[in-house]
C-alpha atoms as a PDB file:
ATOM      1  CA  UNK A   1     128.738  87.943  89.678  1.00  0.00           C
ATOM      2  CA  UNK A   2     127.694  89.671  92.916  1.00  0.00           C
ATOM      3  CA  UNK A   3     124.065  88.641  92.324  1.00  0.00           C
ATOM      4  CA  UNK A   4     124.916  85.036  91.458  1.00  0.00           C
ATOM      5  CA  UNK A   5     123.605  83.765  94.797  1.00  0.00           C
ATOM      6  CA  UNK A   6     120.359  85.720  94.601  1.00  0.00           C
ATOM      7  CA  UNK A   7     118.391  83.188  92.579  1.00  0.00           C
ATOM      8  CA  UNK A   8     116.960  79.746  93.163  1.00  0.00           C
ATOM      9  CA  UNK A   9     114.294  78.160  95.320  1.00  0.00           C
ATOM     10  CA  UNK A  10     115.103  80.136  98.489  1.00  0.00           C
ATOM     11  CA  UNK A  11     115.608  83.675  97.264  1.00  0.00           C
ATOM     12  CA  UNK A  12     113.655  86.891  97.700  1.00  0.00           C
ATOM     13  CA  UNK A  13     114.499  87.631  94.056  1.00  0.00           C
ATOM     14  CA  UNK A  14     112.779  84.449  92.784  1.00  0.00           C
ATOM     15  CA  UNK A  15     109.300  85.599  93.754  1.00  0.00           C
ATOM     16  CA  UNK A  16     106.067  83.664  93.301  1.00  0.00           C
ATOM     17  CA  UNK A  17     103.741  85.603  95.627  1.00  0.00           C
ATOM     18  CA  UNK A  18     102.121  89.031  95.576  1.00  0.00           C
ATOM     19  CA  UNK A  19     103.666  90.165  98.874  1.00  0.00           C
ATOM     20  CA  UNK A  20     107.175  89.055  97.909  1.00  0.00           C
ATOM     21  CA  UNK A  21     106.827  90.809  94.550  1.00  0.00           C
ATOM     22  CA  UNK A  22     105.791  94.038  96.308  1.00  0.00           C
ATOM     23  CA  UNK A  23     108.724  93.722  98.726  1.00  0.00           C
ATOM     24  CA  UNK A  24     111.141  93.184  95.849  1.00  0.00           C
ATOM     25  CA  UNK A  25     109.852  96.249  93.979  1.00  0.00           C
ATOM     26  CA  UNK A  26     109.962  98.398  97.114  1.00  0.00           C
ATOM     27  CA  UNK A  27     113.446  97.161  97.988  1.00  0.00           C
ATOM     28  CA  UNK A  28     114.689  97.888  94.468  1.00  0.00           C
ATOM     29  CA  UNK A  29     113.302 101.408  94.606  1.00  0.00           C
ATOM     30  CA  UNK A  30     114.877 102.079  98.008  1.00  0.00           C
ATOM     31  CA  UNK A  31     118.219 100.730  96.814  1.00  0.00           C
ATOM     32  CA  UNK A  32     118.119 102.958  93.723  1.00  0.00           C
ATOM     33  CA  UNK A  33     117.293 106.027  95.834  1.00  0.00           C
ATOM     34  CA  UNK A  34     120.067 105.207  98.305  1.00  0.00           C
ATOM     35  CA  UNK A  35     122.518 104.763  95.422  1.00  0.00           C
ATOM     36  CA  UNK A  36     121.620 108.195  93.976  1.00  0.00           C
ATOM     37  CA  UNK A  37     122.040 109.855  97.383  1.00  0.00           C
ATOM     38  CA  UNK A  38     125.402 108.145  97.866  1.00  0.00           C
ATOM     39  CA  UNK A  39     126.597 109.287  94.450  1.00  0.00           C
ATOM     40  CA  UNK A  40     125.476 112.834  95.235  1.00  0.00           C
ATOM     41  CA  UNK A  41     127.380 112.869  98.529  1.00  0.00           C
ATOM     42  CA  UNK A  42     130.485 111.484  96.828  1.00  0.00           C
ATOM     43  CA  UNK A  43     130.223 114.172  94.145  1.00  0.00           C
ATOM     44  CA  UNK A  44     130.020 116.894  96.790  1.00  0.00           C
ATOM     45  CA  UNK A  45     132.990 115.403  98.635  1.00  0.00           C
ATOM     46  CA  UNK A  46     135.007 115.282  95.414  1.00  0.00           C
ATOM     47  CA  UNK A  47     134.111 118.899  94.683  1.00  0.00           C
ATOM     48  CA  UNK A  48     135.080 119.940  98.219  1.00  0.00           C
ATOM     49  CA  UNK A  49     138.445 118.198  97.980  1.00  0.00           C
ATOM     50  CA  UNK A  50     139.267 119.915  94.707  1.00  0.00           C
ATOM     51  CA  UNK A  51     138.214 123.395  95.899  1.00  0.00           C
ATOM     52  CA  UNK A  52     141.102 125.745  96.720  1.00  0.00           C
ATOM     53  CA  UNK A  53     141.730 126.471 100.383  1.00  0.00           C
ATOM     54  CA  UNK A  54     140.497 129.805 101.602  1.00  0.00           C
ATOM     55  CA  UNK A  55     137.965 130.183  98.780  1.00  0.00           C
ATOM     56  CA  UNK A  56     134.760 131.802  99.984  1.00  0.00           C
ATOM     57  CA  UNK A  57     131.792 129.498  99.638  1.00  0.00           C
ATOM     58  CA  UNK A  58     128.632 131.326  98.599  1.00  0.00           C
ATOM     59  CA  UNK A  59     125.172 129.863  98.844  1.00  0.00           C
ATOM     60  CA  UNK A  60     126.055 127.373 101.581  1.00  0.00           C
ATOM     61  CA  UNK A  61     122.849 128.030 103.488  1.00  0.00           C
ATOM     62  CA  UNK A  62     120.745 127.240 100.435  1.00  0.00           C
ATOM     63  CA  UNK A  63     122.620 123.950  99.883  1.00  0.00           C
ATOM     64  CA  UNK A  64     122.123 122.930 103.515  1.00  0.00           C
ATOM     65  CA  UNK A  65     118.439 123.831 103.289  1.00  0.00           C
ATOM     66  CA  UNK A  66     117.865 121.846 100.094  1.00  0.00           C
ATOM     67  CA  UNK A  67     120.018 118.816 100.866  1.00  0.00           C
ATOM     68  CA  UNK A  68     119.342 118.717 104.604  1.00  0.00           C
ATOM     69  CA  UNK A  69     115.628 119.469 104.734  1.00  0.00           C
ATOM     70  CA  UNK A  70     113.678 119.842 101.496  1.00  0.00           C
ATOM     71  CA  UNK A  71     115.067 116.914  99.467  1.00  0.00           C
ATOM     72  CA  UNK A  72     114.972 114.387 102.385  1.00  0.00           C
ATOM     73  CA  UNK A  73     111.402 115.456 103.204  1.00  0.00           C
ATOM     74  CA  UNK A  74     110.303 114.947  99.607  1.00  0.00           C
ATOM     75  CA  UNK A  75     112.053 111.564  99.384  1.00  0.00           C
ATOM     76  CA  UNK A  76     110.595 110.282 102.655  1.00  0.00           C
ATOM     77  CA  UNK A  77     107.121 111.509 101.717  1.00  0.00           C
ATOM     78  CA  UNK A  78     107.335 109.752  98.353  1.00  0.00           C
ATOM     79  CA  UNK A  79     108.527 106.557 100.051  1.00  0.00           C
ATOM     80  CA  UNK A  80     105.641 106.736 102.520  1.00  0.00           C
ATOM     81  CA  UNK A  81     103.062 107.254  99.766  1.00  0.00           C
ATOM     82  CA  UNK A  82     104.426 104.314  97.760  1.00  0.00           C
ATOM     83  CA  UNK A  83     104.872 101.901 100.673  1.00  0.00           C
ATOM     84  CA  UNK A  84     101.664 102.425 102.681  1.00  0.00           C
ATOM     85  CA  UNK A  85      99.318 100.749 100.152  1.00  0.00           C
ATOM     86  CA  UNK A  86     101.673  97.766  99.988  1.00  0.00           C
ATOM     87  CA  UNK A  87     101.487  97.264 103.764  1.00  0.00           C
ATOM     88  CA  UNK A  88      97.786  96.343 103.705  1.00  0.00           C
ATOM     89  CA  UNK A  89      97.477  92.592 104.384  1.00  0.00           C
ATOM     90  CA  UNK A  90      95.622  90.283 102.024  1.00  0.00           C
ATOM     91  CA  UNK A  91      92.128  89.215 102.987  1.00  0.00           C
ATOM     92  CA  UNK A  92      91.184  85.548 103.215  1.00  0.00           C
ATOM     93  CA  UNK A  93      88.868  84.502 100.393  1.00  0.00           C
ATOM     94  CA  UNK A  94      85.794  82.281 100.707  1.00  0.00           C
ATOM     95  CA  UNK A  95      87.393  79.670  98.462  1.00  0.00           C
ATOM     96  CA  UNK A  96      90.749  80.030 100.185  1.00  0.00           C
ATOM     97  CA  UNK A  97      92.717  77.366 102.000  1.00  0.00           C
ATOM     98  CA  UNK A  98      93.514  77.336 105.716  1.00  0.00           C
ATOM     99  CA  UNK A  99      96.762  75.677 106.770  1.00  0.00           C
ATOM    100  CA  UNK A 100      97.864  75.361 110.381  1.00  0.00           C
ATOM    101  CA  UNK A 101     101.636  75.174 110.792  1.00  0.00           C
ATOM    102  CA  UNK A 102     103.304  74.364 114.116  1.00  0.00           C
ATOM    103  CA  UNK A 103     107.022  74.923 114.482  1.00  0.00           C
ATOM    104  CA  UNK A 104     108.497  72.003 116.425  1.00  0.00           C
ATOM    105  CA  UNK A 105     112.102  71.265 117.397  1.00  0.00           C
ATOM    106  CA  UNK A 106     113.154  70.789 114.637  1.00  0.00           C
ATOM    107  CA  UNK A 107     110.440  70.155 112.073  1.00  0.00           C
ATOM    108  CA  UNK A 108     107.128  71.514 110.792  1.00  0.00           C
ATOM    109  CA  UNK A 109     103.693  70.076 111.583  1.00  0.00           C
ATOM    110  CA  UNK A 110     101.316  70.991 108.722  1.00  0.00           C
ATOM    111  CA  UNK A 111      97.540  70.530 108.900  1.00  0.00           C
ATOM    112  CA  UNK A 112      95.049  71.422 106.154  1.00  0.00           C
ATOM    113  CA  UNK A 113      91.856  72.682 107.760  1.00  0.00           C
ATOM    114  CA  UNK A 114      89.617  73.337 104.764  1.00  0.00           C
ATOM    115  CA  UNK A 115      88.430  71.685 101.578  1.00  0.00           C
ATOM    116  CA  UNK A 116      88.095  67.977 100.891  1.00  0.00           C
ATOM    117  CA  UNK A 117      90.990  67.157 103.189  1.00  0.00           C
ATOM    118  CA  UNK A 118      89.881  69.072 106.275  1.00  0.00           C
ATOM    119  CA  UNK A 119      92.036  68.281 109.264  1.00  0.00           C
ATOM    120  CA  UNK A 120      94.517  66.205 107.277  1.00  0.00           C
ATOM    121  CA  UNK A 121      98.053  66.347 108.660  1.00  0.00           C
ATOM    122  CA  UNK A 122     101.420  66.058 106.976  1.00  0.00           C
ATOM    123  CA  UNK A 123     104.908  67.316 107.795  1.00  0.00           C
ATOM    124  CA  UNK A 124     107.805  69.367 106.413  1.00  0.00           C
ATOM    125  CA  UNK A 125     106.074  70.042 103.112  1.00  0.00           C
ATOM    126  CA  UNK A 126     103.524  72.683 102.122  1.00  0.00           C
ATOM    127  CA  UNK A 127     101.519  72.583  98.919  1.00  0.00           C
ATOM    128  CA  UNK A 128      99.361  75.534  97.946  1.00  0.00           C
ATOM    129  CA  UNK A 129      97.150  76.460  94.994  1.00  0.00           C
ATOM    130  CA  UNK A 130      98.326  79.279  92.743  1.00  0.00           C
ATOM    131  CA  UNK A 131      95.791  82.061  92.312  1.00  0.00           C
ATOM    132  CA  UNK A 132      93.880  81.270  95.527  1.00  0.00           C
ATOM    133  CA  UNK A 133      94.381  82.950  98.875  1.00  0.00           C
ATOM    134  CA  UNK A 134      96.022  80.767 101.518  1.00  0.00           C
ATOM    135  CA  UNK A 135      95.818  81.580 105.225  1.00  0.00           C
ATOM    136  CA  UNK A 136      98.540  80.215 107.498  1.00  0.00           C
ATOM    137  CA  UNK A 137      97.785  79.883 111.210  1.00  0.00           C
ATOM    138  CA  UNK A 138     101.215  79.854 112.822  1.00  0.00           C
ATOM    139  CA  UNK A 139     101.902  78.462 116.289  1.00  0.00           C
ATOM    140  CA  UNK A 140     104.717  76.909 118.320  1.00  0.00           C
ATOM    141  CA  UNK A 141     104.523  74.515 121.273  1.00  0.00           C
ATOM    142  CA  UNK A 142     108.057  75.077 122.542  1.00  0.00           C
ATOM    143  CA  UNK A 143     110.288  77.998 121.488  1.00  0.00           C
ATOM    144  CA  UNK A 144     110.036  80.968 119.136  1.00  0.00           C
ATOM    145  CA  UNK A 145     110.412  80.054 115.472  1.00  0.00           C
ATOM    146  CA  UNK A 146     110.082  82.284 112.414  1.00  0.00           C
ATOM    147  CA  UNK A 147     108.086  81.128 109.397  1.00  0.00           C
ATOM    148  CA  UNK A 148     109.639  82.365 106.161  1.00  0.00           C
ATOM    149  CA  UNK A 149     109.049  81.501 102.522  1.00  0.00           C
ATOM    150  CA  UNK A 150     111.289  84.126 100.851  1.00  0.00           C
ATOM    151  CA  UNK A 151     109.694  83.967  97.411  1.00  0.00           C
ATOM    152  CA  UNK A 152     106.133  84.115  98.766  1.00  0.00           C
ATOM    153  CA  UNK A 153     105.941  86.616 101.636  1.00  0.00           C
ATOM    154  CA  UNK A 154     107.786  88.157 104.557  1.00  0.00           C
ATOM    155  CA  UNK A 155     108.721  86.520 107.846  1.00  0.00           C
ATOM    156  CA  UNK A 156     106.309  85.988 110.716  1.00  0.00           C
ATOM    157  CA  UNK A 157     107.226  84.729 114.183  1.00  0.00           C
ATOM    158  CA  UNK A 158     105.677  81.620 115.719  1.00  0.00           C
ATOM    159  CA  UNK A 159     105.323  82.331 119.436  1.00  0.00           C
ATOM    160  CA  UNK A 160     104.270  79.803 122.111  1.00  0.00           C
ATOM    161  CA  UNK A 161     100.783  80.584 123.403  1.00  0.00           C
ATOM    162  CA  UNK A 162      99.890  82.807 120.463  1.00  0.00           C
ATOM    163  CA  UNK A 163      98.456  82.248 116.978  1.00  0.00           C
ATOM    164  CA  UNK A 164      99.769  84.546 114.247  1.00  0.00           C
ATOM    165  CA  UNK A 165      97.977  84.671 110.904  1.00  0.00           C
ATOM    166  CA  UNK A 166      99.556  85.191 107.489  1.00  0.00           C
ATOM    167  CA  UNK A 167      97.509  85.343 104.277  1.00  0.00           C
ATOM    168  CA  UNK A 168      99.377  84.901 100.992  1.00  0.00           C
ATOM    169  CA  UNK A 169      98.644  84.539  97.292  1.00  0.00           C
ATOM    170  CA  UNK A 170     100.914  82.540  94.989  1.00  0.00           C
ATOM    171  CA  UNK A 171     101.127  83.910  91.442  1.00  0.00           C
ATOM    172  CA  UNK A 172     102.738  80.977  89.651  1.00  0.00           C
ATOM    173  CA  UNK A 173     103.367  77.275  90.036  1.00  0.00           C
ATOM    174  CA  UNK A 174     106.738  75.770  90.911  1.00  0.00           C
ATOM    175  CA  UNK A 175     108.894  74.231  93.631  1.00  0.00           C
ATOM    176  CA  UNK A 176     110.406  76.495  96.256  1.00  0.00           C
ATOM    177  CA  UNK A 177     111.771  76.358  99.790  1.00  0.00           C
ATOM    178  CA  UNK A 178     111.013  77.827 103.179  1.00  0.00           C
ATOM    179  CA  UNK A 179     113.035  78.007 106.382  1.00  0.00           C
ATOM    180  CA  UNK A 180     113.042  78.993 110.022  1.00  0.00           C
ATOM    181  CA  UNK A 181     114.472  82.501 110.312  1.00  0.00           C
ATOM    182  CA  UNK A 182     114.756  82.624 114.120  1.00  0.00           C
ATOM    183  CA  UNK A 183     117.423  80.718 116.048  1.00  0.00           C
ATOM    184  CA  UNK A 184     115.506  77.945 117.830  1.00  0.00           C
ATOM    185  CA  UNK A 185     118.152  75.454 118.953  1.00  0.00           C
ATOM    186  CA  UNK A 186     121.010  73.268 117.791  1.00  0.00           C
ATOM    187  CA  UNK A 187     119.410  72.255 114.484  1.00  0.00           C
ATOM    188  CA  UNK A 188     117.989  75.644 113.567  1.00  0.00           C
ATOM    189  CA  UNK A 189     119.982  75.529 110.319  1.00  0.00           C
ATOM    190  CA  UNK A 190     118.461  72.101 109.574  1.00  0.00           C
ATOM    191  CA  UNK A 191     114.871  73.291 109.822  1.00  0.00           C
ATOM    192  CA  UNK A 192     113.618  73.933 106.304  1.00  0.00           C
ATOM    193  CA  UNK A 193     110.620  72.765 104.305  1.00  0.00           C
ATOM    194  CA  UNK A 194     109.588  72.258 100.694  1.00  0.00           C
ATOM    195  CA  UNK A 195     106.970  74.552  99.181  1.00  0.00           C
ATOM    196  CA  UNK A 196     105.138  73.469  96.030  1.00  0.00           C
ATOM    197  CA  UNK A 197     102.656  75.760  94.275  1.00  0.00           C
ATOM    198  CA  UNK A 198     100.173  73.844  92.104  1.00  0.00           C
ATOM    199  CA  UNK A 199      97.415  74.670  89.697  1.00  0.00           C
ATOM    200  CA  UNK A 200      94.115  74.842  91.663  1.00  0.00           C
ATOM    201  CA  UNK A 201      92.720  71.627  90.150  1.00  0.00           C
ATOM    202  CA  UNK A 202      95.987  69.775  90.764  1.00  0.00           C
ATOM    203  CA  UNK A 203      95.983  71.012  94.339  1.00  0.00           C
ATOM    204  CA  UNK A 204      92.436  69.775  94.955  1.00  0.00           C
ATOM    205  CA  UNK A 205      93.349  66.344  93.603  1.00  0.00           C
ATOM    206  CA  UNK A 206      96.499  66.232  95.751  1.00  0.00           C
ATOM    207  CA  UNK A 207      94.555  67.236  98.873  1.00  0.00           C
ATOM    208  CA  UNK A 208      92.050  64.471  98.227  1.00  0.00           C
ATOM    209  CA  UNK A 209      94.904  61.950  97.936  1.00  0.00           C
ATOM    210  CA  UNK A 210      96.440  63.291 101.146  1.00  0.00           C
ATOM    211  CA  UNK A 211      93.219  62.507 103.010  1.00  0.00           C
ATOM    212  CA  UNK A 212      93.367  58.859 102.011  1.00  0.00           C
ATOM    213  CA  UNK A 213      95.050  56.205 104.197  1.00  0.00           C
ATOM    214  CA  UNK A 214      98.512  54.928 103.390  1.00  0.00           C
ATOM    215  CA  UNK A 215      99.120  52.595 100.475  1.00  0.00           C
ATOM    216  CA  UNK A 216      98.569  48.884 101.089  1.00  0.00           C
ATOM    217  CA  UNK A 217     102.146  47.899 101.913  1.00  0.00           C
ATOM    218  CA  UNK A 218     103.124  44.609 103.552  1.00  0.00           C
ATOM    219  CA  UNK A 219     106.419  42.992 104.406  1.00  0.00           C
ATOM    220  CA  UNK A 220     109.143  42.962 107.035  1.00  0.00           C
ATOM    221  CA  UNK A 221     109.468  46.735 107.115  1.00  0.00           C
ATOM    222  CA  UNK A 222     105.906  47.263 108.269  1.00  0.00           C
ATOM    223  CA  UNK A 223     106.298  44.619 110.988  1.00  0.00           C
ATOM    224  CA  UNK A 224     109.652  46.012 112.162  1.00  0.00           C
ATOM    225  CA  UNK A 225     108.231  49.542 112.247  1.00  0.00           C
ATOM    226  CA  UNK A 226     105.788  48.287 114.850  1.00  0.00           C
ATOM    227  CA  UNK A 227     108.263  46.085 116.748  1.00  0.00           C
ATOM    228  CA  UNK A 228     110.769  48.921 117.244  1.00  0.00           C
ATOM    229  CA  UNK A 229     108.040  51.081 118.754  1.00  0.00           C
ATOM    230  CA  UNK A 230     107.849  53.679 115.993  1.00  0.00           C
ATOM    231  CA  UNK A 231     104.031  54.082 116.389  1.00  0.00           C
ATOM    232  CA  UNK A 232     104.718  55.495 119.851  1.00  0.00           C
ATOM    233  CA  UNK A 233     105.577  58.772 118.103  1.00  0.00           C
ATOM    234  CA  UNK A 234     104.366  58.467 114.502  1.00  0.00           C
ATOM    235  CA  UNK A 235     101.029  57.956 112.789  1.00  0.00           C
ATOM    236  CA  UNK A 236     100.600  55.993 109.557  1.00  0.00           C
ATOM    237  CA  UNK A 237      96.895  56.255 108.752  1.00  0.00           C
ATOM    238  CA  UNK A 238      95.496  52.892 107.708  1.00  0.00           C
ATOM    239  CA  UNK A 239      98.503  51.005 109.161  1.00  0.00           C
ATOM    240  CA  UNK A 240      99.359  52.282 112.637  1.00  0.00           C
ATOM    241  CA  UNK A 241      97.075  54.626 114.627  1.00  0.00           C
ATOM    242  CA  UNK A 242     100.161  55.704 116.552  1.00  0.00           C
ATOM    243  CA  UNK A 243     100.661  58.829 118.620  1.00  0.00           C
ATOM    244  CA  UNK A 244     101.162  62.180 116.832  1.00  0.00           C
ATOM    245  CA  UNK A 245     104.220  63.239 118.810  1.00  0.00           C
ATOM    246  CA  UNK A 246     106.439  63.216 115.729  1.00  0.00           C
ATOM    247  CA  UNK A 247     105.738  63.802 112.028  1.00  0.00           C
ATOM    248  CA  UNK A 248     102.817  62.045 110.344  1.00  0.00           C
ATOM    249  CA  UNK A 249     104.316  59.436 107.991  1.00  0.00           C
ATOM    250  CA  UNK A 250     101.164  58.376 106.120  1.00  0.00           C
ATOM    251  CA  UNK A 251     102.400  59.535 102.703  1.00  0.00           C
ATOM    252  CA  UNK A 252     106.097  59.784 103.531  1.00  0.00           C
ATOM    253  CA  UNK A 253     107.232  58.308 100.209  1.00  0.00           C
ATOM    254  CA  UNK A 254     105.506  60.994  98.143  1.00  0.00           C
ATOM    255  CA  UNK A 255     107.417  63.882  99.696  1.00  0.00           C
ATOM    256  CA  UNK A 256     110.308  65.691  98.066  1.00  0.00           C
ATOM    257  CA  UNK A 257     112.728  65.337 100.998  1.00  0.00           C
ATOM    258  CA  UNK A 258     112.711  64.436 104.699  1.00  0.00           C
ATOM    259  CA  UNK A 259     114.189  65.541 108.040  1.00  0.00           C
ATOM    260  CA  UNK A 260     112.708  69.025 107.516  1.00  0.00           C
ATOM    261  CA  UNK A 261     113.980  69.517 104.000  1.00  0.00           C
ATOM    262  CA  UNK A 262     117.587  68.611 104.777  1.00  0.00           C
ATOM    263  CA  UNK A 263     118.041  65.057 103.432  1.00  0.00           C
ATOM    264  CA  UNK A 264     117.180  63.360 100.108  1.00  0.00           C
ATOM    265  CA  UNK A 265     114.405  60.793 100.025  1.00  0.00           C
ATOM    266  CA  UNK A 266     116.714  57.823  99.452  1.00  0.00           C
ATOM    267  CA  UNK A 267     116.831  54.487 101.233  1.00  0.00           C
ATOM    268  CA  UNK A 268     120.421  54.963 102.450  1.00  0.00           C
ATOM    269  CA  UNK A 269     119.712  58.415 103.914  1.00  0.00           C
ATOM    270  CA  UNK A 270     116.491  57.252 105.591  1.00  0.00           C
ATOM    271  CA  UNK A 271     118.175  54.144 107.014  1.00  0.00           C
ATOM    272  CA  UNK A 272     121.088  56.135 108.451  1.00  0.00           C
ATOM    273  CA  UNK A 273     118.739  58.695 109.979  1.00  0.00           C
ATOM    274  CA  UNK A 274     116.693  55.946 111.638  1.00  0.00           C
ATOM    275  CA  UNK A 275     119.747  54.517 113.361  1.00  0.00           C
ATOM    276  CA  UNK A 276     121.330  57.792 114.501  1.00  0.00           C
ATOM    277  CA  UNK A 277     119.200  60.882 113.857  1.00  0.00           C
ATOM    278  CA  UNK A 278     121.267  63.090 116.191  1.00  0.00           C
ATOM    279  CA  UNK A 279     124.354  62.604 114.020  1.00  0.00           C
ATOM    280  CA  UNK A 280     122.594  64.347 111.146  1.00  0.00           C
ATOM    281  CA  UNK A 281     120.366  66.651 113.165  1.00  0.00           C
ATOM    282  CA  UNK A 282     121.890  67.691 116.527  1.00  0.00           C
ATOM    283  CA  UNK A 283     119.359  68.218 119.286  1.00  0.00           C
ATOM    284  CA  UNK A 284     116.598  66.242 117.585  1.00  0.00           C
ATOM    285  CA  UNK A 285     114.132  64.668 119.997  1.00  0.00           C
ATOM    286  CA  UNK A 286     113.861  61.416 118.073  1.00  0.00           C
ATOM    287  CA  UNK A 287     115.608  58.571 119.970  1.00  0.00           C
ATOM    288  CA  UNK A 288     118.603  56.833 118.427  1.00  0.00           C
ATOM    289  CA  UNK A 289     118.667  53.142 117.476  1.00  0.00           C
ATOM    290  CA  UNK A 290     122.418  52.700 117.095  1.00  0.00           C
ATOM    291  CA  UNK A 291     122.109  48.984 117.896  1.00  0.00           C
ATOM    292  CA  UNK A 292     119.539  48.413 115.158  1.00  0.00           C
ATOM    293  CA  UNK A 293     120.955  46.057 112.509  1.00  0.00           C
ATOM    294  CA  UNK A 294     121.456  47.756 109.177  1.00  0.00           C
ATOM    295  CA  UNK A 295     119.205  45.237 107.433  1.00  0.00           C
ATOM    296  CA  UNK A 296     116.335  46.155 109.792  1.00  0.00           C
ATOM    297  CA  UNK A 297     116.907  49.861 109.202  1.00  0.00           C
ATOM    298  CA  UNK A 298     116.937  49.296 105.449  1.00  0.00           C
ATOM    299  CA  UNK A 299     113.718  47.285 105.654  1.00  0.00           C
ATOM    300  CA  UNK A 300     111.936  50.039 107.616  1.00  0.00           C
ATOM    301  CA  UNK A 301     113.313  52.660 105.220  1.00  0.00           C
ATOM    302  CA  UNK A 302     112.027  50.697 102.225  1.00  0.00           C
ATOM    303  CA  UNK A 303     108.613  50.437 103.901  1.00  0.00           C
ATOM    304  CA  UNK A 304     108.480  54.201 104.515  1.00  0.00           C
ATOM    305  CA  UNK A 305     109.425  54.977 100.931  1.00  0.00           C
ATOM    306  CA  UNK A 306     106.505  52.855  99.724  1.00  0.00           C
ATOM    307  CA  UNK A 307     104.026  54.964 101.695  1.00  0.00           C
ATOM    308  CA  UNK A 308     102.561  57.077  98.908  1.00  0.00           C
END
């Protein structure tokens, strides 16, 4: 029952990467060693409590020497020998994938810089090939964020003015979740992202589709998107050149969720977010359109959901 919350898409126990698997094994070993030491101390305390008062204690110096010096030295040496090889970072492979991730307030800008879709941008969703090394180039234009995919690897800070590099290797396919692990503002808790590990061939096909322009969608929603000034912050390749201040919406309808992994991809949720984003994501920099008629918001939402 105590471990009931230690599973699922955002858990260090549900590993799908080599580094996370090494961390889990090392953590399990350290926990087991700590448990044995705790039991030993409790046994000594129980023995001391039950010992008669005034009884001479022989061999105390040997016990202090063994438990205070020799045993801790052996345990720490063993831990060092086991952990040092696991601390060596992965090397980027020639057939690997490079992904630049910028932590914004409060969303993730994701750009694929290698392969058939070089320089192709998306947002709040990361897809990677299983069995191939992936190198993340992590940056931030505003405040310190922390990039963390619990089942894949450890945390790494995203610091303004600096590029940190993290190389990972997914071991199996599946859908997982990442999050910001450093308080970055009012909607820090609403800054997550979907992580999908694919078979290498499936990943290559997906990356090729990502590089294509948006689907040929017409109707009131597309017109209203332009009339309300949405291209001033968003790009829809093939429809609106726009300005890349906010997330790229070219293939918005093919994502798993939106608003940085916090809301379902449903017309009602998208419509409500369009009209009053701050109500669902405090501190968001997207302007509110509280006077927008609901029918217009629904039309724009329907248009966005058709962008696949």
